[in-house]
Each structure stands twice: as C-alpha cells, then as structure tokens.
Amino acid sequence: MRSSNNLIGLVNFFTFLLSIPILGGGIWLSTRANSTDCMRFLQWPLIVIGISIMVVSLAGFAGACYRNKFLMWLYLFIMFFIIAALLGFTIFAYAVTDKGSGRFVMNRRYHDYYLRDYSGWLKDRVTDNGYWREIRSCVRDSGVCKKIPRDLNGVPETPQMFFFRKLTPIESGCCKPPTECGYTYMNETVWVPGGEMVGPNPDCMLWNNDQRVLCYQCSSCKAGVLGSLKSSWRKVSVINIVVLIILVIFYVIAYAAYRNVKRMDNDESAGEARMTKSHPSHFQM
C-alpha cells in the first residue's frame, strides 16, 4: 500500500509540473493580447485550466502523503473534467484556426493577407465592429508600425531591402498597403501611388500615410490579426497536445494505483474480520 501511495504522490508531483507549461502558454497569450494579437479572450481558459491542475495536483499529493482516500478520489474526479476541458479547448483552437494563411507575393519575402481567405467563429469575432474598434486601437497603440523602420549605419533601408524582409502578419496587413495596389515605396510606412494602376482591392483606397491611420481600417489588417492569432494559437496548441497526452498517461497510472489502494484496504478489512471471527473475545462474568 505504501508503494501505491508513493506512486500516486509522484504522479501528482509530475502533474503539478505539467501545469506550468499550460499556465505559461496562457500568460504568453496574455502578453500578446496586450501588445500584439490584441484579442483579450483566448488566454483565460488556459490560465484557468493551468491553475486548476496546480490546485488539484496539490490536493492529490496531500491525499497520497496522508493516505486520505477522499482527496485521492477528488483528484481523479476533478482531473477527469480538467483533461476533458483541455481537450475541448485544443480541438476548438485548431477548428477556429483551420482556414486562412498569407499569400505568396512575387519578388517579395513577406506574404500579403486577405480577409476572404479566413472564415468561421474567429473571423466573425475579429470583424465585429465593436470588437474591431478595440483591436484596431490596441494594434495602433502597441506601436507595431512605429517599430518597423530600419536603417543600416544611419542609412534608411532601400525598397529592395524592405521587399525581402520577413514581416509579421500584422506588419504586412496593417503597416503597408497591399502589394496589388501598386503603391511606390518611400519608406516602411509611407507609400505613394506609382505609375501602375491602383488595384481593385477596396483597401487600396483606404491606405493613408497618416501614421495614425495607415491601413488600420483595411480588411488586410483584420486578416493580419487573424494570421497572427492563428500562429499564436497553433504554437500553444502543440504544447497543449503534448501535455494532454502525458496527463492522460499519468491519470491512468494514478487511477490504477488508487484502485490498488482500495483493494488492499478491502483485503486488510476482510482479514481483520476473519481474525475477529476466529478469535472471539472472552469475558469473565
């Protein structure tokens, strides 16, 4: 029985450690929500799940140390729902980021982003007028477009240098006009109509060199936010899948050890009952 308790305690300790990457992923999404992705919703389920795993693991660890079967049972009961919640969140994250990605642009290293390439719940949420006003203000106030200019020994980068930069989805979608518009590069965030015809894309008319405007009203900016969210969610989801697999393995081990503890307790109780029947107490009158 002691070995089973030790095993349950060890499993709970490792489960506690597994909560750290989940909580870390939620915190990382939270920092990006405040500075880059600007979507203040996605991080909270992960943070809640991470904290829940921590608390439940500590309860299970205490149950194993003090041979408290109720705490062991409570750990198994709650952890089942936590694993189900983590699985559901991971499936949801993959489902809502399934479609959409940047498009290859000839003679450019960066990609262009188009809102029509995305669909589903996440697109509807980002493009909702109320949400988009908040997201747009967040992207603008984060200064992402102010940080895009570069120079080499005090010399501003040339158009060719800029064209072969790897831009983030938000930098590409919000800080410059779509390539098909035919604008001429002056610097990273100043573009003027060139000799080519401005394309039919409505974003071509929305571009403004005012640094408070740029392409923040453009559909390409919304697509850039969606592209950034997809990248962030996919990175966290990979960690979640690995943690989820290990959690399930630990859960099965803990459940088997708990069943063994119950069986040994029942065997001991049955043995004591048989001893009592075999050697009844004698009282002198």
Protein backbone atom coordinates (compact mmCIF):
# COMPACT_ATOMS: atom_id res chain seq x y z
CA MET A 1 0.00 0.00 0.00
CA ARG A 2 2.84 2.38 0.78
CA SER A 3 4.26 1.87 -2.72
CA SER A 4 0.88 2.73 -4.27
CA ASN A 5 0.64 5.91 -2.17
CA ASN A 6 4.17 6.84 -3.20
CA LEU A 7 3.27 6.28 -6.85
CA ILE A 8 0.17 8.47 -6.58
CA GLY A 9 2.21 11.17 -4.85
CA LEU A 10 4.87 11.02 -7.57
CA VAL A 11 2.25 11.22 -10.33
CA ASN A 12 0.65 14.24 -8.66
CA PHE A 13 4.03 15.94 -8.37
CA PHE A 14 4.69 15.50 -12.10
CA THR A 15 1.13 16.58 -12.88
CA PHE A 16 1.81 19.76 -10.90
CA LEU A 17 4.90 20.35 -13.05
CA LEU A 18 2.84 19.82 -16.21
CA SER A 19 0.56 22.68 -15.21
CA ILE A 20 3.48 25.10 -15.60
CA PRO A 21 3.70 24.99 -19.44
CA ILE A 22 -0.10 25.31 -19.70
CA LEU A 23 -0.13 28.30 -17.38
CA GLY A 24 2.92 29.68 -19.17
CA GLY A 25 1.13 29.38 -22.51
CA GLY A 26 -1.84 31.28 -21.13
CA ILE A 27 0.39 34.02 -19.74
CA TRP A 28 2.26 34.23 -23.06
CA LEU A 29 -1.04 34.64 -24.91
CA SER A 30 -1.99 37.29 -22.36
CA THR A 31 1.16 39.31 -23.07
CA ARG A 32 0.50 39.07 -26.80
CA ALA A 33 -3.12 40.07 -26.24
CA ASN A 34 -1.90 43.29 -24.64
CA SER A 35 0.78 44.09 -27.22
CA THR A 36 0.49 42.13 -30.49
CA ASP A 37 -2.55 39.92 -31.11
CA CYS A 38 -4.90 42.23 -29.20
CA MET A 39 -7.52 39.53 -28.59
CA ARG A 40 -8.26 39.51 -24.86
CA PHE A 41 -10.23 36.30 -24.58
CA LEU A 42 -8.14 33.36 -25.66
CA GLN A 43 -5.72 33.27 -22.75
CA TRP A 44 -8.21 32.92 -19.91
CA PRO A 45 -9.32 29.31 -20.49
CA LEU A 46 -5.68 28.19 -20.46
CA ILE A 47 -4.85 30.18 -17.34
CA VAL A 48 -7.88 28.76 -15.51
CA ILE A 49 -7.03 25.19 -16.61
CA GLY A 50 -3.39 25.62 -15.56
CA ILE A 51 -4.28 26.93 -12.10
CA SER A 52 -6.90 24.18 -11.68
CA ILE A 53 -4.33 21.48 -12.45
CA MET A 54 -1.96 23.02 -9.90
CA VAL A 55 -4.57 23.09 -7.12
CA VAL A 56 -5.97 19.62 -7.83
CA SER A 57 -2.46 18.13 -8.03
CA LEU A 58 -1.61 19.57 -4.63
CA ALA A 59 -4.81 18.05 -3.21
CA GLY A 60 -3.92 14.66 -4.70
CA PHE A 61 -0.37 14.93 -3.41
CA ALA A 62 -1.65 15.68 0.10
CA GLY A 63 -4.04 12.73 -0.15
CA ALA A 64 -1.19 10.40 -1.07
CA CYS A 65 1.06 11.69 1.73
CA TYR A 66 -1.62 11.40 4.43
CA ARG A 67 -3.32 8.31 2.97
CA ASN A 68 -6.53 10.26 2.58
CA LYS A 69 -8.59 8.33 0.05
CA PHE A 70 -11.16 11.11 -0.29
CA LEU A 71 -8.51 13.56 -1.55
CA MET A 72 -7.20 10.90 -3.94
CA TRP A 73 -10.73 10.32 -5.25
CA LEU A 74 -11.31 14.07 -5.53
CA TYR A 75 -8.12 14.41 -7.56
CA LEU A 76 -9.23 11.71 -10.01
CA PHE A 77 -12.78 13.07 -10.26
CA ILE A 78 -11.83 16.70 -10.95
CA MET A 79 -8.82 15.86 -13.12
CA PHE A 80 -11.10 13.91 -15.47
CA PHE A 81 -13.08 17.08 -16.21
CA ILE A 82 -9.92 19.19 -16.46
CA ILE A 83 -8.48 16.82 -19.07
CA ALA A 84 -11.80 16.95 -20.95
CA ALA A 85 -11.74 20.78 -20.82
CA LEU A 86 -8.15 20.93 -22.10
CA LEU A 87 -9.01 18.50 -24.90
CA GLY A 88 -12.08 20.56 -25.83
CA PHE A 89 -10.11 23.82 -25.84
CA THR A 90 -7.35 22.31 -28.00
CA ILE A 91 -9.87 20.97 -30.52
CA PHE A 92 -11.64 24.36 -30.53
CA ALA A 93 -8.34 26.19 -31.11
CA TYR A 94 -7.50 24.02 -34.10
CA ALA A 95 -11.02 24.22 -35.52
CA VAL A 96 -11.25 28.03 -35.49
CA THR A 97 -7.74 28.49 -36.94
CA ASP A 98 -8.09 25.81 -39.60
CA LYS A 99 -8.53 28.12 -42.60
CA GLY A 100 -6.54 31.06 -43.82
CA SER A 101 -2.89 31.94 -44.30
CA GLY A 102 -0.73 34.51 -46.00
CA ARG A 103 -0.43 34.56 -49.79
CA PHE A 104 2.88 34.37 -51.62
CA VAL A 105 3.81 37.60 -53.41
CA MET A 106 6.13 37.62 -56.43
CA ASN A 107 9.55 39.14 -55.67
CA ARG A 108 8.67 39.60 -52.00
CA ARG A 109 9.73 37.64 -48.96
CA TYR A 110 6.71 38.72 -46.91
CA HIS A 111 3.16 37.50 -47.52
CA ASP A 112 0.02 39.51 -48.15
CA TYR A 113 -3.13 38.73 -46.13
CA TYR A 114 -6.72 38.72 -47.40
CA LEU A 115 -9.80 38.59 -45.19
CA ARG A 116 -11.71 36.42 -47.66
CA ASP A 117 -9.21 33.61 -47.04
CA TYR A 118 -10.50 33.27 -43.45
CA SER A 119 -13.84 32.05 -42.18
CA GLY A 120 -15.61 30.82 -39.07
CA TRP A 121 -16.08 31.97 -35.50
CA LEU A 122 -12.73 33.72 -35.10
CA LYS A 123 -13.20 35.79 -38.25
CA ASP A 124 -16.71 36.82 -37.17
CA ARG A 125 -15.39 37.87 -33.77
CA VAL A 126 -12.48 39.91 -35.14
CA THR A 127 -14.55 41.64 -37.83
CA ASP A 128 -17.39 42.54 -35.46
CA ASN A 129 -17.47 46.34 -35.42
CA GLY A 130 -17.41 46.59 -31.64
CA TYR A 131 -14.51 44.20 -31.23
CA TRP A 132 -12.59 45.59 -34.18
CA ARG A 133 -12.60 49.12 -32.78
CA GLU A 134 -10.89 47.79 -29.65
CA ILE A 135 -8.48 45.59 -31.60
CA ARG A 136 -7.61 48.41 -34.02
CA SER A 137 -6.87 50.79 -31.15
CA CYS A 138 -4.77 48.12 -29.46
CA VAL A 139 -2.73 47.43 -32.62
CA ARG A 140 -2.18 51.15 -33.22
CA ASP A 141 -1.26 51.90 -29.61
CA SER A 142 1.12 48.93 -29.46
CA GLY A 143 3.40 50.84 -31.82
CA VAL A 144 3.98 47.83 -34.06
CA CYS A 145 4.15 50.04 -37.17
CA LYS A 146 6.42 52.58 -35.44
CA LYS A 147 8.92 49.79 -34.79
CA ILE A 148 9.02 48.59 -38.38
CA PRO A 149 11.54 51.14 -39.81
CA ARG A 150 15.17 50.01 -40.01
CA ASP A 151 18.40 51.62 -41.09
CA LEU A 152 21.90 50.43 -41.86
CA ASN A 153 24.54 52.65 -40.28
CA GLY A 154 22.11 55.55 -40.31
CA VAL A 155 21.04 54.95 -43.92
CA PRO A 156 17.34 54.06 -44.38
CA GLU A 157 16.72 50.69 -45.98
CA THR A 158 16.11 50.62 -49.71
CA PRO A 159 12.93 49.26 -51.33
CA GLN A 160 14.71 46.01 -52.24
CA MET A 161 15.88 45.57 -48.65
CA PHE A 162 12.32 46.06 -47.41
CA PHE A 163 10.81 43.74 -50.02
CA PHE A 164 12.98 40.90 -48.79
CA ARG A 165 12.17 41.35 -45.13
CA LYS A 166 10.09 38.75 -43.33
CA LEU A 167 7.20 40.76 -41.92
CA THR A 168 4.77 39.54 -39.29
CA PRO A 169 1.13 39.20 -40.38
CA ILE A 170 0.16 42.42 -38.57
CA GLU A 171 3.13 44.36 -40.01
CA SER A 172 2.22 43.20 -43.50
CA GLY A 173 -1.52 43.73 -43.15
CA CYS A 174 -1.67 46.96 -41.14
CA CYS A 175 1.55 48.91 -41.79
CA LYS A 176 1.68 48.91 -45.60
CA PRO A 177 -0.82 48.81 -48.47
CA PRO A 178 -1.49 45.50 -50.25
CA THR A 179 1.12 44.82 -52.93
CA GLU A 180 -1.54 44.57 -55.66
CA CYS A 181 -2.38 48.26 -55.14
CA GLY A 182 0.81 49.28 -56.97
CA TYR A 183 1.95 51.89 -54.47
CA THR A 184 5.56 53.11 -54.63
CA TYR A 185 7.75 52.61 -51.57
CA MET A 186 9.09 55.81 -49.96
CA ASN A 187 9.85 54.30 -46.59
CA GLU A 188 8.43 51.47 -44.49
CA THR A 189 5.19 53.29 -43.65
CA VAL A 190 4.98 55.92 -46.40
CA TRP A 191 3.77 54.80 -49.82
CA VAL A 192 2.53 56.88 -52.76
CA PRO A 193 0.56 55.90 -55.87
CA GLY A 194 3.01 54.70 -58.51
CA GLY A 195 2.92 54.52 -62.27
CA GLU A 196 0.82 51.37 -62.16
CA MET A 197 -2.93 51.40 -61.86
CA VAL A 198 -4.22 51.13 -58.30
CA GLY A 199 -5.76 47.66 -57.95
CA PRO A 200 -9.46 46.93 -57.47
CA ASN A 201 -8.92 45.95 -53.84
CA PRO A 202 -11.00 48.36 -51.64
CA ASP A 203 -8.04 48.55 -49.26
CA CYS A 204 -6.16 50.50 -51.95
CA MET A 205 -8.44 53.48 -51.31
CA LEU A 206 -8.25 53.11 -47.54
CA TRP A 207 -4.46 53.41 -47.30
CA ASN A 208 -3.34 56.69 -45.71
CA ASN A 209 0.20 57.89 -44.97
CA ASP A 210 -1.04 59.46 -41.75
CA GLN A 211 0.79 57.38 -39.15
CA ARG A 212 -2.36 57.23 -37.01
CA VAL A 213 -4.35 55.80 -39.93
CA LEU A 214 -2.10 53.75 -42.29
CA CYS A 215 -4.10 50.60 -43.14
CA TYR A 216 -5.78 50.11 -39.77
CA GLN A 217 -9.17 50.39 -41.49
CA CYS A 218 -8.23 47.82 -44.13
CA SER A 219 -9.51 44.29 -44.42
CA SER A 220 -5.87 43.26 -44.81
CA CYS A 221 -5.24 44.48 -41.26
CA LYS A 222 -8.06 42.30 -39.93
CA ALA A 223 -6.61 39.40 -41.91
CA GLY A 224 -3.18 40.16 -40.43
CA VAL A 225 -4.61 40.00 -36.91
CA LEU A 226 -6.25 36.66 -37.78
CA GLY A 227 -2.96 35.39 -39.17
CA SER A 228 -1.13 36.42 -36.01
CA LEU A 229 -3.78 34.79 -33.82
CA LYS A 230 -3.54 31.59 -35.82
CA SER A 231 0.22 31.47 -35.38
CA SER A 232 -0.01 32.08 -31.62
CA TRP A 233 -2.81 29.57 -31.05
CA ARG A 234 -1.05 26.86 -33.07
CA LYS A 235 2.15 27.25 -31.06
CA VAL A 236 0.28 26.95 -27.76
CA SER A 237 -1.86 24.08 -29.07
CA VAL A 238 1.23 21.99 -29.86
CA ILE A 239 2.32 22.34 -26.21
CA ASN A 240 -1.22 21.52 -25.07
CA ILE A 241 -1.32 18.32 -27.11
CA VAL A 242 1.97 17.08 -25.65
CA VAL A 243 0.85 17.96 -22.11
CA LEU A 244 -2.55 16.37 -22.72
CA ILE A 245 -1.02 13.04 -23.77
CA ILE A 246 1.23 12.96 -20.71
CA LEU A 247 -1.69 13.96 -18.45
CA VAL A 248 -3.79 11.08 -19.73
CA ILE A 249 -0.94 8.62 -19.11
CA PHE A 250 -0.45 9.96 -15.57
CA TYR A 251 -4.20 9.83 -14.96
CA VAL A 252 -4.36 6.15 -15.93
CA ILE A 253 -1.40 5.37 -13.66
CA ALA A 254 -2.95 7.29 -10.74
CA TYR A 255 -6.30 5.57 -11.25
CA ALA A 256 -4.66 2.12 -11.27
CA ALA A 257 -2.71 2.97 -8.10
CA TYR A 258 -5.87 4.27 -6.42
CA ARG A 259 -7.71 1.04 -7.28
CA ASN A 260 -4.81 -0.90 -5.79
CA VAL A 261 -5.00 1.12 -2.56
CA LYS A 262 -8.74 0.43 -2.30
CA ARG A 263 -8.23 -3.28 -2.96
CA MET A 264 -5.52 -3.54 -0.31
CA ASP A 265 -7.70 -1.67 2.18
CA ASN A 266 -10.57 -4.06 1.49
CA ASP A 267 -8.26 -7.05 1.87
CA GLU A 268 -7.00 -5.72 5.21
CA SER A 269 -10.57 -5.12 6.43
CA ALA A 270 -11.59 -8.63 5.35
CA GLY A 271 -8.53 -10.08 7.10
CA GLU A 272 -9.31 -8.28 10.33
CA ALA A 273 -12.92 -9.51 10.16
CA ARG A 274 -11.76 -13.10 9.74
CA MET A 275 -9.31 -12.74 12.66
CA THR A 276 -12.14 -11.42 14.86
CA LYS A 277 -14.36 -14.40 14.00
CA SER A 278 -11.53 -16.90 14.55
CA HIS A 279 -10.50 -15.47 17.92
CA PRO A 280 -13.60 -14.01 19.60
CA SER A 281 -13.12 -12.04 22.77
CA HIS A 282 -13.85 -13.88 26.12
CA PHE A 283 -15.32 -12.04 29.01
CA GLN A 284 -15.28 -13.23 32.63
CA MET A 285 -18.55 -12.93 34.46
